[in-house]
PDB file of N, CA and C in Angstrom:
ATOM      1  N   VAL A   1      16.720   3.818  -2.685  1.00  0.00           N
ATOM      2  CA  VAL A   1      15.898   2.633  -2.009  1.00  0.00           C
ATOM      3  C   VAL A   1      15.202   1.463  -2.514  1.00  0.00           C
ATOM      4  N   GLN A   2      14.972   0.588  -1.734  1.00  0.00           N
ATOM      5  CA  GLN A   2      14.256  -0.770  -2.385  1.00  0.00           C
ATOM      6  C   GLN A   2      13.241  -0.802  -1.527  1.00  0.00           C
ATOM      7  N   LEU A   3      12.514  -1.502  -1.989  1.00  0.00           N
ATOM      8  CA  LEU A   3      10.975  -1.419  -1.518  1.00  0.00           C
ATOM      9  C   LEU A   3      10.866  -3.078  -1.913  1.00  0.00           C
ATOM     10  N   GLN A   4      10.224  -3.697  -0.601  1.00  0.00           N
ATOM     11  CA  GLN A   4       9.913  -5.294  -0.633  1.00  0.00           C
ATOM     12  C   GLN A   4       8.582  -5.388  -0.185  1.00  0.00           C
ATOM     13  N   ALA A   5       7.477  -5.792  -1.308  1.00  0.00           N
ATOM     14  CA  ALA A   5       6.303  -6.206  -0.815  1.00  0.00           C
ATOM     15  C   ALA A   5       5.961  -7.432  -0.549  1.00  0.00           C
ATOM     16  N   SER A   6       4.915  -8.157   0.226  1.00  0.00           N
ATOM     17  CA  SER A   6       4.788  -9.391   0.680  1.00  0.00           C
ATOM     18  C   SER A   6       3.428  -9.159   1.263  1.00  0.00           C
ATOM     19  N   GLY A   7       2.878 -10.419   0.991  1.00  0.00           N
ATOM     20  CA  GLY A   7       2.058 -11.041   1.892  1.00  0.00           C
ATOM     21  C   GLY A   7      -0.018 -11.053   0.994  1.00  0.00           C
ATOM     22  N   GLY A   8       0.521 -11.054  -0.058  1.00  0.00           N
ATOM     23  CA  GLY A   8      -0.743 -11.288  -1.324  1.00  0.00           C
ATOM     24  C   GLY A   8      -1.102 -12.601  -1.123  1.00  0.00           C
ATOM     25  N   GLY A   9      -1.630 -12.615  -1.533  1.00  0.00           N
ATOM     26  CA  GLY A   9      -2.952 -14.396  -2.121  1.00  0.00           C
ATOM     27  C   GLY A   9      -3.998 -14.221  -2.162  1.00  0.00           C
ATOM     28  N   LEU A  10      -4.767 -15.316  -2.022  1.00  0.00           N
ATOM     29  CA  LEU A  10      -6.038 -15.611  -2.114  1.00  0.00           C
ATOM     30  C   LEU A  10      -7.188 -15.085  -0.881  1.00  0.00           C
ATOM     31  N   VAL A  11      -8.188 -14.562  -1.182  1.00  0.00           N
ATOM     32  CA  VAL A  11      -8.323 -14.686   0.525  1.00  0.00           C
ATOM     33  C   VAL A  11     -10.410 -13.917   0.032  1.00  0.00           C
ATOM     34  N   GLN A  12     -11.031 -14.745   0.748  1.00  0.00           N
ATOM     35  CA  GLN A  12     -12.435 -14.906   0.516  1.00  0.00           C
ATOM     36  C   GLN A  12     -13.049 -13.395   0.538  1.00  0.00           C
ATOM     37  N   PRO A  13     -14.020 -13.215  -0.253  1.00  0.00           N
ATOM     38  CA  PRO A  13     -15.080 -12.147   0.085  1.00  0.00           C
ATOM     39  C   PRO A  13     -15.472 -12.005   1.321  1.00  0.00           C
ATOM     40  N   GLY A  14     -15.352 -11.020   1.937  1.00  0.00           N
ATOM     41  CA  GLY A  14     -15.534 -10.465   3.388  1.00  0.00           C
ATOM     42  C   GLY A  14     -14.641 -10.991   4.185  1.00  0.00           C
ATOM     43  N   GLY A  15     -13.856 -11.235   3.654  1.00  0.00           N
ATOM     44  CA  GLY A  15     -12.147 -11.999   4.716  1.00  0.00           C
ATOM     45  C   GLY A  15     -11.365 -10.584   5.128  1.00  0.00           C
ATOM     46  N   SER A  16     -10.030 -11.067   5.330  1.00  0.00           N
ATOM     47  CA  SER A  16      -8.676  -9.981   5.859  1.00  0.00           C
ATOM     48  C   SER A  16      -7.512 -10.753   5.512  1.00  0.00           C
ATOM     49  N   LEU A  17      -6.881  -9.479   4.876  1.00  0.00           N
ATOM     50  CA  LEU A  17      -5.215  -9.951   4.485  1.00  0.00           C
ATOM     51  C   LEU A  17      -4.453  -8.692   4.772  1.00  0.00           C
ATOM     52  N   LYS A  18      -3.130  -8.891   5.408  1.00  0.00           N
ATOM     53  CA  LYS A  18      -2.283  -7.885   5.522  1.00  0.00           C
ATOM     54  C   LYS A  18      -1.059  -8.176   4.513  1.00  0.00           C
ATOM     55  N   LEU A  19      -0.885  -7.155   4.286  1.00  0.00           N
ATOM     56  CA  LEU A  19       0.132  -6.701   3.124  1.00  0.00           C
ATOM     57  C   LEU A  19       0.992  -6.034   3.848  1.00  0.00           C
ATOM     58  N   SER A  20       2.668  -6.169   4.092  1.00  0.00           N
ATOM     59  CA  SER A  20       3.641  -5.645   4.301  1.00  0.00           C
ATOM     60  C   SER A  20       4.672  -5.158   3.179  1.00  0.00           C
ATOM     61  N   CYS A  21       5.405  -3.688   3.366  1.00  0.00           N
ATOM     62  CA  CYS A  21       6.532  -3.607   3.110  1.00  0.00           C
ATOM     63  C   CYS A  21       7.634  -3.221   3.336  1.00  0.00           C
ATOM     64  N   ALA A  22       8.730  -4.036   3.197  1.00  0.00           N
ATOM     65  CA  ALA A  22       9.670  -3.137   3.829  1.00  0.00           C
ATOM     66  C   ALA A  22      11.104  -2.480   2.996  1.00  0.00           C
ATOM     67  N   ALA A  23      11.070  -1.012   3.624  1.00  0.00           N
ATOM     68  CA  ALA A  23      12.040  -0.243   2.819  1.00  0.00           C
ATOM     69  C   ALA A  23      13.358  -0.259   3.317  1.00  0.00           C
ATOM     70  N   SER A  24      14.155   0.179   2.465  1.00  0.00           N
ATOM     71  CA  SER A  24      15.867   0.015   2.692  1.00  0.00           C
ATOM     72  C   SER A  24      16.282   0.820   1.911  1.00  0.00           C
ATOM     73  N   GLY A  25      17.824   1.217   2.318  1.00  0.00           N
ATOM     74  CA  GLY A  25      17.925   2.052   1.650  1.00  0.00           C
ATOM     75  C   GLY A  25      18.310   3.812   2.226  1.00  0.00           C
ATOM     76  N   ARG A  26      18.624   4.621   1.424  1.00  0.00           N
ATOM     77  CA  ARG A  26      18.508   6.020   1.557  1.00  0.00           C
ATOM     78  C   ARG A  26      17.155   7.020   1.534  1.00  0.00           C
ATOM     79  N   THR A  27      16.482   6.584   2.696  1.00  0.00           N
ATOM     80  CA  THR A  27      15.429   6.750   2.882  1.00  0.00           C
ATOM     81  C   THR A  27      14.848   8.154   3.761  1.00  0.00           C
ATOM     82  N   GLY A  28      16.181   9.089   3.608  1.00  0.00           N
ATOM     83  CA  GLY A  28      15.715  10.200   4.029  1.00  0.00           C
ATOM     84  C   GLY A  28      14.882  10.485   5.725  1.00  0.00           C
ATOM     85  N   SER A  29      14.947  11.574   5.989  1.00  0.00           N
ATOM     86  CA  SER A  29      14.063  11.671   7.765  1.00  0.00           C
ATOM     87  C   SER A  29      12.554  12.212   7.149  1.00  0.00           C
ATOM     88  N   MET A  30      12.018  12.520   5.784  1.00  0.00           N
ATOM     89  CA  MET A  30      10.883  13.299   5.101  1.00  0.00           C
ATOM     90  C   MET A  30      10.137  12.227   4.417  1.00  0.00           C
ATOM     91  N   TYR A  31       9.540  11.430   4.773  1.00  0.00           N
ATOM     92  CA  TYR A  31       9.282  10.343   3.051  1.00  0.00           C
ATOM     93  C   TYR A  31       7.500  10.082   3.471  1.00  0.00           C
ATOM     94  N   THR A  32       6.986   9.267   2.310  1.00  0.00           N
ATOM     95  CA  THR A  32       5.797   8.969   2.348  1.00  0.00           C
ATOM     96  C   THR A  32       5.879   7.594   1.671  1.00  0.00           C
ATOM     97  N   LEU A  33       4.930   6.535   2.526  1.00  0.00           N
ATOM     98  CA  LEU A  33       5.362   5.243   1.894  1.00  0.00           C
ATOM     99  C   LEU A  33       3.769   5.052   1.581  1.00  0.00           C
ATOM    100  N   GLY A  34       3.467   4.606   0.303  1.00  0.00           N
ATOM    101  CA  GLY A  34       1.882   4.306   0.114  1.00  0.00           C
ATOM    102  C   GLY A  34       2.016   3.419  -0.523  1.00  0.00           C
ATOM    103  N   TRP A  35       0.803   2.973  -1.030  1.00  0.00           N
ATOM    104  CA  TRP A  35      -0.024   1.734  -1.326  1.00  0.00           C
ATOM    105  C   TRP A  35      -0.733   2.232  -2.813  1.00  0.00           C
ATOM    106  N   PHE A  36      -0.809   1.510  -3.242  1.00  0.00           N
ATOM    107  CA  PHE A  36      -1.269   1.439  -4.875  1.00  0.00           C
ATOM    108  C   PHE A  36      -1.978   0.133  -5.366  1.00  0.00           C
ATOM    109  N   ARG A  37      -2.648   0.036  -6.219  1.00  0.00           N
ATOM    110  CA  ARG A  37      -2.749  -1.043  -6.818  1.00  0.00           C
ATOM    111  C   ARG A  37      -3.636  -0.929  -8.356  1.00  0.00           C
ATOM    112  N   GLN A  38      -3.368  -2.133  -9.048  1.00  0.00           N
ATOM    113  CA  GLN A  38      -3.657  -2.020 -10.312  1.00  0.00           C
ATOM    114  C   GLN A  38      -4.381  -3.041 -10.726  1.00  0.00           C
ATOM    115  N   ALA A  39      -5.554  -3.409 -11.176  1.00  0.00           N
ATOM    116  CA  ALA A  39      -6.727  -3.951 -11.600  1.00  0.00           C
ATOM    117  C   ALA A  39      -6.163  -4.468 -13.148  1.00  0.00           C
ATOM    118  N   PRO A  40      -6.741  -5.942 -13.825  1.00  0.00           N
ATOM    119  CA  PRO A  40      -6.770  -5.612 -14.846  1.00  0.00           C
ATOM    120  C   PRO A  40      -7.573  -4.913 -15.831  1.00  0.00           C
ATOM    121  N   GLY A  41      -6.926  -3.997 -16.743  1.00  0.00           N
ATOM    122  CA  GLY A  41      -7.561  -3.232 -17.442  1.00  0.00           C
ATOM    123  C   GLY A  41      -7.706  -1.890 -16.985  1.00  0.00           C
ATOM    124  N   LYS A  42      -7.213  -1.701 -15.874  1.00  0.00           N
ATOM    125  CA  LYS A  42      -7.636  -0.662 -15.334  1.00  0.00           C
ATOM    126  C   LYS A  42      -6.031   0.403 -14.904  1.00  0.00           C
ATOM    127  N   GLU A  43      -6.232   1.476 -14.405  1.00  0.00           N
ATOM    128  CA  GLU A  43      -4.818   2.514 -14.304  1.00  0.00           C
ATOM    129  C   GLU A  43      -4.691   2.139 -12.837  1.00  0.00           C
ATOM    130  N   ARG A  44      -3.114   2.085 -12.246  1.00  0.00           N
ATOM    131  CA  ARG A  44      -2.775   2.162 -10.942  1.00  0.00           C
ATOM    132  C   ARG A  44      -3.711   3.321 -10.554  1.00  0.00           C
ATOM    133  N   GLU A  45      -4.042   3.362  -8.841  1.00  0.00           N
ATOM    134  CA  GLU A  45      -4.862   3.660  -8.618  1.00  0.00           C
ATOM    135  C   GLU A  45      -4.299   3.697  -6.646  1.00  0.00           C
ATOM    136  N   PHE A  46      -4.526   4.937  -6.246  1.00  0.00           N
ATOM    137  CA  PHE A  46      -3.752   5.026  -4.740  1.00  0.00           C
ATOM    138  C   PHE A  46      -4.791   4.454  -3.897  1.00  0.00           C
ATOM    139  N   VAL A  47      -4.057   4.085  -3.045  1.00  0.00           N
ATOM    140  CA  VAL A  47      -4.727   3.183  -1.660  1.00  0.00           C
ATOM    141  C   VAL A  47      -5.057   3.557  -0.795  1.00  0.00           C
ATOM    142  N   ALA A  48      -3.686   3.644  -0.155  1.00  0.00           N
ATOM    143  CA  ALA A  48      -3.539   4.637   1.020  1.00  0.00           C
ATOM    144  C   ALA A  48      -2.185   5.013   1.223  1.00  0.00           C
ATOM    145  N   GLY A  49      -1.744   5.645   2.363  1.00  0.00           N
ATOM    146  CA  GLY A  49      -0.418   6.329   2.531  1.00  0.00           C
ATOM    147  C   GLY A  49       0.024   6.892   3.571  1.00  0.00           C
ATOM    148  N   ILE A  50       1.165   6.790   4.212  1.00  0.00           N
ATOM    149  CA  ILE A  50       1.202   7.327   5.746  1.00  0.00           C
ATOM    150  C   ILE A  50       2.734   8.214   5.522  1.00  0.00           C
ATOM    151  N   ASP A  51       2.718   9.185   6.257  1.00  0.00           N
ATOM    152  CA  ASP A  51       4.288   9.848   6.210  1.00  0.00           C
ATOM    153  C   ASP A  51       5.167   8.991   7.196  1.00  0.00           C
ATOM    154  N   TRP A  52       6.270   9.894   7.049  1.00  0.00           N
ATOM    155  CA  TRP A  52       7.594   9.389   7.922  1.00  0.00           C
ATOM    156  C   TRP A  52       7.259   9.083   9.144  1.00  0.00           C
ATOM    157  N   SER A  53       6.256  10.091  10.020  1.00  0.00           N
ATOM    158  CA  SER A  53       5.683  10.176  11.022  1.00  0.00           C
ATOM    159  C   SER A  53       4.932   9.274  12.037  1.00  0.00           C
ATOM    160  N   GLY A  54       4.192   8.527  10.939  1.00  0.00           N
ATOM    161  CA  GLY A  54       3.222   7.654  11.133  1.00  0.00           C
ATOM    162  C   GLY A  54       1.914   8.449  11.554  1.00  0.00           C
ATOM    163  N   LYS A  55       1.743   9.793  11.837  1.00  0.00           N
ATOM    164  CA  LYS A  55       1.162  10.680  12.626  1.00  0.00           C
ATOM    165  C   LYS A  55       0.019  10.812  11.477  1.00  0.00           C
ATOM    166  N   MET A  56       0.258  11.556   9.774  1.00  0.00           N
ATOM    167  CA  MET A  56      -0.750  11.474   9.079  1.00  0.00           C
ATOM    168  C   MET A  56      -0.995  10.260   8.108  1.00  0.00           C
ATOM    169  N   SER A  57      -2.006   9.922   7.792  1.00  0.00           N
ATOM    170  CA  SER A  57      -2.203   8.637   7.244  1.00  0.00           C
ATOM    171  C   SER A  57      -3.393   9.266   6.195  1.00  0.00           C
ATOM    172  N   GLU A  58      -3.825   8.420   5.016  1.00  0.00           N
ATOM    173  CA  GLU A  58      -4.906   8.706   4.064  1.00  0.00           C
ATOM    174  C   GLU A  58      -5.254   7.477   3.778  1.00  0.00           C
ATOM    175  N   VAL A  59      -6.419   7.091   3.175  1.00  0.00           N
ATOM    176  CA  VAL A  59      -6.674   5.861   2.610  1.00  0.00           C
ATOM    177  C   VAL A  59      -8.167   6.527   1.605  1.00  0.00           C
ATOM    178  N   SER A  60      -7.987   5.822   0.212  1.00  0.00           N
ATOM    179  CA  SER A  60      -8.620   6.287  -0.920  1.00  0.00           C
ATOM    180  C   SER A  60     -10.786   5.855  -0.357  1.00  0.00           C
ATOM    181  N   ASP A  61     -11.456   6.649  -0.881  1.00  0.00           N
ATOM    182  CA  ASP A  61     -12.987   6.106  -0.682  1.00  0.00           C
ATOM    183  C   ASP A  61     -13.368   5.043  -1.093  1.00  0.00           C
ATOM    184  N   SER A  62     -12.695   4.269  -1.582  1.00  0.00           N
ATOM    185  CA  SER A  62     -13.218   3.190  -2.260  1.00  0.00           C
ATOM    186  C   SER A  62     -12.854   2.370  -1.132  1.00  0.00           C
ATOM    187  N   VAL A  63     -11.893   2.583  -0.133  1.00  0.00           N
ATOM    188  CA  VAL A  63     -11.443   1.311   0.713  1.00  0.00           C
ATOM    189  C   VAL A  63     -11.773   1.841   2.094  1.00  0.00           C
ATOM    190  N   LYS A  64     -11.970   3.227   2.165  1.00  0.00           N
ATOM    191  CA  LYS A  64     -12.159   3.562   3.535  1.00  0.00           C
ATOM    192  C   LYS A  64     -13.431   2.737   4.601  1.00  0.00           C
ATOM    193  N   GLY A  65     -12.774   2.672   5.753  1.00  0.00           N
ATOM    194  CA  GLY A  65     -13.707   1.620   6.505  1.00  0.00           C
ATOM    195  C   GLY A  65     -13.588   0.346   6.470  1.00  0.00           C
ATOM    196  N   ARG A  66     -12.461  -0.298   5.568  1.00  0.00           N
ATOM    197  CA  ARG A  66     -12.466  -1.460   5.339  1.00  0.00           C
ATOM    198  C   ARG A  66     -10.547  -2.030   5.621  1.00  0.00           C
ATOM    199  N   PHE A  67     -10.144  -0.785   5.074  1.00  0.00           N
ATOM    200  CA  PHE A  67      -8.717  -0.920   4.772  1.00  0.00           C
ATOM    201  C   PHE A  67      -8.070   0.031   5.693  1.00  0.00           C
ATOM    202  N   THR A  68      -6.735  -0.381   6.498  1.00  0.00           N
ATOM    203  CA  THR A  68      -6.191   1.034   7.440  1.00  0.00           C
ATOM    204  C   THR A  68      -4.883   0.710   7.068  1.00  0.00           C
ATOM    205  N   ILE A  69      -3.888   2.071   7.274  1.00  0.00           N
ATOM    206  CA  ILE A  69      -2.557   1.623   6.876  1.00  0.00           C
ATOM    207  C   ILE A  69      -1.689   1.841   8.208  1.00  0.00           C
ATOM    208  N   SER A  70      -0.671   1.496   8.685  1.00  0.00           N
ATOM    209  CA  SER A  70       0.550   1.479   9.466  1.00  0.00           C
ATOM    210  C   SER A  70       1.690   1.313   9.457  1.00  0.00           C
ATOM    211  N   ARG A  71       2.497   1.677   9.837  1.00  0.00           N
ATOM    212  CA  ARG A  71       4.095   1.207  10.023  1.00  0.00           C
ATOM    213  C   ARG A  71       4.448   1.381  10.946  1.00  0.00           C
ATOM    214  N   ASP A  72       5.859   0.722  10.924  1.00  0.00           N
ATOM    215  CA  ASP A  72       6.850   0.372  12.162  1.00  0.00           C
ATOM    216  C   ASP A  72       7.807   1.369  11.488  1.00  0.00           C
ATOM    217  N   ASN A  73       8.135   2.228  12.543  1.00  0.00           N
ATOM    218  CA  ASN A  73       9.191   2.981  12.488  1.00  0.00           C
ATOM    219  C   ASN A  73      10.497   2.712  12.672  1.00  0.00           C
ATOM    220  N   VAL A  74      10.691   1.362  13.460  1.00  0.00           N
ATOM    221  CA  VAL A  74      12.193   1.276  13.608  1.00  0.00           C
ATOM    222  C   VAL A  74      12.704   0.891  12.511  1.00  0.00           C
ATOM    223  N   ASN A  75      11.763  -0.362  12.254  1.00  0.00           N
ATOM    224  CA  ASN A  75      12.465  -0.822  10.642  1.00  0.00           C
ATOM    225  C   ASN A  75      11.726  -0.594   9.317  1.00  0.00           C
ATOM    226  N   ILE A  76      10.963   0.601   9.244  1.00  0.00           N
ATOM    227  CA  ILE A  76      10.474   1.008   7.929  1.00  0.00           C
ATOM    228  C   ILE A  76       9.798   0.199   7.370  1.00  0.00           C
ATOM    229  N   ILE A  77       8.659  -0.405   8.187  1.00  0.00           N
ATOM    230  CA  ILE A  77       7.939  -1.192   7.142  1.00  0.00           C
ATOM    231  C   ILE A  77       6.499  -0.318   7.398  1.00  0.00           C
ATOM    232  N   VAL A  78       5.622  -0.682   6.202  1.00  0.00           N
ATOM    233  CA  VAL A  78       4.487  -0.407   6.140  1.00  0.00           C
ATOM    234  C   VAL A  78       3.517  -1.628   5.943  1.00  0.00           C
ATOM    235  N   TYR A  79       2.128  -1.668   6.424  1.00  0.00           N
ATOM    236  CA  TYR A  79       1.688  -2.086   6.441  1.00  0.00           C
ATOM    237  C   TYR A  79       0.420  -2.092   5.957  1.00  0.00           C
ATOM    238  N   LEU A  80      -0.330  -2.745   4.960  1.00  0.00           N
ATOM    239  CA  LEU A  80      -1.703  -2.381   4.657  1.00  0.00           C
ATOM    240  C   LEU A  80      -3.153  -3.299   5.234  1.00  0.00           C
ATOM    241  N   HIS A  81      -3.610  -3.230   5.878  1.00  0.00           N
ATOM    242  CA  HIS A  81      -4.285  -4.117   6.992  1.00  0.00           C
ATOM    243  C   HIS A  81      -5.991  -4.084   5.676  1.00  0.00           C
ATOM    244  N   MET A  82      -6.367  -4.985   5.305  1.00  0.00           N
ATOM    245  CA  MET A  82      -7.615  -5.355   4.514  1.00  0.00           C
ATOM    246  C   MET A  82      -8.502  -6.184   4.768  1.00  0.00           C
ATOM    247  N   ASN A  83      -9.827  -5.351   5.181  1.00  0.00           N
ATOM    248  CA  ASN A  83     -10.648  -5.920   5.628  1.00  0.00           C
ATOM    249  C   ASN A  83     -12.133  -6.028   4.864  1.00  0.00           C
ATOM    250  N   SER A  84     -12.948  -6.670   5.169  1.00  0.00           N
ATOM    251  CA  SER A  84     -14.188  -6.574   4.636  1.00  0.00           C
ATOM    252  C   SER A  84     -13.465  -6.715   3.179  1.00  0.00           C
ATOM    253  N   ALA A  85     -13.035  -7.904   2.731  1.00  0.00           N
ATOM    254  CA  ALA A  85     -12.211  -7.260   1.020  1.00  0.00           C
ATOM    255  C   ALA A  85     -13.800  -8.060   0.168  1.00  0.00           C
ATOM    256  N   LYS A  86     -13.501  -7.437  -1.002  1.00  0.00           N
ATOM    257  CA  LYS A  86     -14.632  -7.099  -1.823  1.00  0.00           C
ATOM    258  C   LYS A  86     -13.939  -7.749  -3.441  1.00  0.00           C
ATOM    259  N   PRO A  87     -14.643  -8.542  -3.999  1.00  0.00           N
ATOM    260  CA  PRO A  87     -14.097  -8.951  -5.255  1.00  0.00           C
ATOM    261  C   PRO A  87     -13.871  -7.805  -6.035  1.00  0.00           C
ATOM    262  N   GLU A  88     -13.933  -6.529  -6.414  1.00  0.00           N
ATOM    263  CA  GLU A  88     -13.516  -5.600  -7.014  1.00  0.00           C
ATOM    264  C   GLU A  88     -12.064  -5.082  -6.221  1.00  0.00           C
ATOM    265  N   ASP A  89     -11.625  -5.513  -5.177  1.00  0.00           N
ATOM    266  CA  ASP A  89     -10.529  -5.289  -4.576  1.00  0.00           C
ATOM    267  C   ASP A  89      -9.247  -5.775  -5.020  1.00  0.00           C
ATOM    268  N   THR A  90      -9.743  -7.325  -6.395  1.00  0.00           N
ATOM    269  CA  THR A  90      -8.827  -7.814  -6.596  1.00  0.00           C
ATOM    270  C   THR A  90      -7.830  -6.816  -7.338  1.00  0.00           C
ATOM    271  N   ALA A  91      -6.418  -7.022  -7.383  1.00  0.00           N
ATOM    272  CA  ALA A  91      -5.788  -6.315  -8.146  1.00  0.00           C
ATOM    273  C   ALA A  91      -4.054  -6.874  -7.785  1.00  0.00           C
ATOM    274  N   VAL A  92      -2.797  -6.426  -8.355  1.00  0.00           N
ATOM    275  CA  VAL A  92      -1.530  -6.178  -8.048  1.00  0.00           C
ATOM    276  C   VAL A  92      -1.427  -4.998  -7.025  1.00  0.00           C
ATOM    277  N   TYR A  93      -1.193  -5.050  -5.806  1.00  0.00           N
ATOM    278  CA  TYR A  93      -0.725  -4.446  -5.282  1.00  0.00           C
ATOM    279  C   TYR A  93       0.643  -3.767  -5.340  1.00  0.00           C
ATOM    280  N   TYR A  94       0.983  -2.643  -4.979  1.00  0.00           N
ATOM    281  CA  TYR A  94       2.266  -2.085  -5.290  1.00  0.00           C
ATOM    282  C   TYR A  94       2.541  -0.926  -3.932  1.00  0.00           C
ATOM    283  N   CYS A  95       3.652  -1.143  -3.099  1.00  0.00           N
ATOM    284  CA  CYS A  95       4.129  -0.144  -2.545  1.00  0.00           C
ATOM    285  C   CYS A  95       5.509   1.055  -2.770  1.00  0.00           C
ATOM    286  N   ALA A  96       5.503   2.128  -2.436  1.00  0.00           N
ATOM    287  CA  ALA A  96       5.952   3.396  -3.789  1.00  0.00           C
ATOM    288  C   ALA A  96       6.583   3.873  -2.247  1.00  0.00           C
ATOM    289  N   TYR A  97       7.246   4.846  -2.281  1.00  0.00           N
ATOM    290  CA  TYR A  97       7.699   5.917  -1.399  1.00  0.00           C
ATOM    291  C   TYR A  97       8.095   7.167  -2.298  1.00  0.00           C
ATOM    292  N   ARG A  98       8.012   8.240  -1.900  1.00  0.00           N
ATOM    293  CA  ARG A  98       8.236   9.346  -2.206  1.00  0.00           C
ATOM    294  C   ARG A  98       9.253  10.314  -1.394  1.00  0.00           C
ATOM    295  N   ARG A  99       9.955  11.369  -1.733  1.00  0.00           N
ATOM    296  CA  ARG A  99      10.360  11.998  -0.403  1.00  0.00           C
ATOM    297  C   ARG A  99       9.129  13.354  -0.578  1.00  0.00           C
ATOM    298  N   GLY A 100       9.407  13.278   0.959  1.00  0.00           N
ATOM    299  CA  GLY A 100       8.119  14.505   0.897  1.00  0.00           C
ATOM    300  C   GLY A 100       6.921  14.359   1.500  1.00  0.00           C
ATOM    301  N   ILE A 101       5.992  15.371   1.433  1.00  0.00           N
ATOM    302  CA  ILE A 101       4.808  15.012   2.062  1.00  0.00           C
ATOM    303  C   ILE A 101       3.858  14.140   0.982  1.00  0.00           C
ATOM    304  N   MET A 102       2.659  13.843   1.643  1.00  0.00           N
ATOM    305  CA  MET A 102       1.875  13.120   0.845  1.00  0.00           C
ATOM    306  C   MET A 102       1.580  13.218  -0.370  1.00  0.00           C
ATOM    307  N   GLU A 103       1.473  12.854  -1.739  1.00  0.00           N
ATOM    308  CA  GLU A 103       0.800  12.690  -2.770  1.00  0.00           C
ATOM    309  C   GLU A 103      -0.200  11.610  -3.298  1.00  0.00           C
ATOM    310  N   PHE A 104      -1.169  11.618  -4.077  1.00  0.00           N
ATOM    311  CA  PHE A 104      -1.937  10.990  -4.202  1.00  0.00           C
ATOM    312  C   PHE A 104      -1.668  10.369  -5.874  1.00  0.00           C
ATOM    313  N   ASN A 105      -1.049  10.531  -6.656  1.00  0.00           N
ATOM    314  CA  ASN A 105      -0.766  10.368  -8.029  1.00  0.00           C
ATOM    315  C   ASN A 105       0.455   9.546  -8.312  1.00  0.00           C
ATOM    316  N   THR A 106       0.412   8.674  -9.023  1.00  0.00           N
ATOM    317  CA  THR A 106       1.506   7.728  -9.340  1.00  0.00           C
ATOM    318  C   THR A 106       2.571   8.221  -9.732  1.00  0.00           C
ATOM    319  N   GLN A 107       2.706   9.378 -10.478  1.00  0.00           N
ATOM    320  CA  GLN A 107       3.314   9.730 -11.109  1.00  0.00           C
ATOM    321  C   GLN A 107       4.528  10.859  -9.877  1.00  0.00           C
ATOM    322  N   ASP A 108       3.901  10.904  -8.665  1.00  0.00           N
ATOM    323  CA  ASP A 108       4.909  11.893  -7.607  1.00  0.00           C
ATOM    324  C   ASP A 108       5.416  10.664  -6.911  1.00  0.00           C
ATOM    325  N   TYR A 109       5.806   9.588  -7.213  1.00  0.00           N
ATOM    326  CA  TYR A 109       6.539   8.378  -6.117  1.00  0.00           C
ATOM    327  C   TYR A 109       7.516   8.566  -6.904  1.00  0.00           C
ATOM    328  N   ASP A 110       8.859   8.017  -6.170  1.00  0.00           N
ATOM    329  CA  ASP A 110      10.068   8.235  -6.655  1.00  0.00           C
ATOM    330  C   ASP A 110      10.372   6.205  -7.218  1.00  0.00           C
ATOM    331  N   TYR A 111       9.920   6.076  -5.919  1.00  0.00           N
ATOM    332  CA  TYR A 111      10.416   4.094  -6.443  1.00  0.00           C
ATOM    333  C   TYR A 111       9.512   3.339  -5.885  1.00  0.00           C
ATOM    334  N   TRP A 112       9.306   2.496  -6.290  1.00  0.00           N
ATOM    335  CA  TRP A 112       7.963   1.146  -6.753  1.00  0.00           C
ATOM    336  C   TRP A 112       9.052  -0.121  -5.851  1.00  0.00           C
ATOM    337  N   GLY A 113       7.741  -1.238  -5.374  1.00  0.00           N
ATOM    338  CA  GLY A 113       8.064  -2.260  -5.001  1.00  0.00           C
ATOM    339  C   GLY A 113       7.858  -3.375  -6.239  1.00  0.00           C
ATOM    340  N   GLN A 114       8.002  -4.339  -5.983  1.00  0.00           N
ATOM    341  CA  GLN A 114       7.423  -5.472  -7.080  1.00  0.00           C
ATOM    342  C   GLN A 114       6.095  -5.383  -7.230  1.00  0.00           C
ATOM    343  N   GLY A 115       5.336  -5.188  -6.488  1.00  0.00           N
ATOM    344  CA  GLY A 115       4.204  -5.675  -6.230  1.00  0.00           C
ATOM    345  C   GLY A 115       3.788  -7.057  -6.045  1.00  0.00           C
ATOM    346  N   THR A 116       2.490  -7.187  -5.233  1.00  0.00           N
ATOM    347  CA  THR A 116       2.015  -8.187  -4.585  1.00  0.00           C
ATOM    348  C   THR A 116       0.386  -8.562  -5.267  1.00  0.00           C
ATOM    349  N   LEU A 117       0.333  -9.805  -5.413  1.00  0.00           N
ATOM    350  CA  LEU A 117      -0.952 -10.086  -6.138  1.00  0.00           C
ATOM    351  C   LEU A 117      -2.040 -10.404  -5.210  1.00  0.00           C
ATOM    352  N   VAL A 118      -2.959  -9.812  -5.035  1.00  0.00           N
ATOM    353  CA  VAL A 118      -4.109 -10.148  -4.221  1.00  0.00           C
ATOM    354  C   VAL A 118      -5.679 -10.713  -4.885  1.00  0.00           C
ATOM    355  N   THR A 119      -6.254 -11.562  -4.751  1.00  0.00           N
ATOM    356  CA  THR A 119      -7.138 -12.137  -5.286  1.00  0.00           C
ATOM    357  C   THR A 119      -8.390 -12.280  -4.182  1.00  0.00           C
ATOM    358  N   VAL A 120      -9.302 -11.470  -4.326  1.00  0.00           N
ATOM    359  CA  VAL A 120     -10.804 -11.816  -3.871  1.00  0.00           C
ATOM    360  C   VAL A 120     -11.566 -12.762  -4.156  1.00  0.00           C
ATOM    361  N   SER A 121     -11.594 -13.924  -3.970  1.00  0.00           N
ATOM    362  CA  SER A 121     -12.810 -14.520  -4.831  1.00  0.00           C
ATOM    363  C   SER A 121     -12.884 -15.812  -3.384  1.00  0.00           C
ATOM    364  N   SER A 122     -14.189 -16.485  -3.905  1.00  0.00           N
ATOM    365  CA  SER A 122     -14.550 -17.531  -3.375  1.00  0.00           C
ATOM    366  C   SER A 122     -14.612 -19.172  -3.523  1.00  0.00           C
TER     367      SER A 122
END
């Protein structure tokens, strides 16, 4: 499975940004696509995830009410919609893939995209 993330950049506090991740290869029929982020000096953390059907999704408490996740089932693209951005959202954002139901730890994911940098600053 190959993952290609895009959409990062500079956003002002309170602003919005949309990240995209296109999956290709042998994704199978039951899988989870997730977004993680890693800020400088911190561990990589779960941000949001969505299952193969698009019917089950989760976002972390730190972004709940501000970020949402969605997907395009035809082309297997997952989106992270970032709203009301805060400086503490600054991080490299990674998309990830795992076979099966959603999990929230980095070690549970099998494939990773290259990461895209999001900087929230005025």
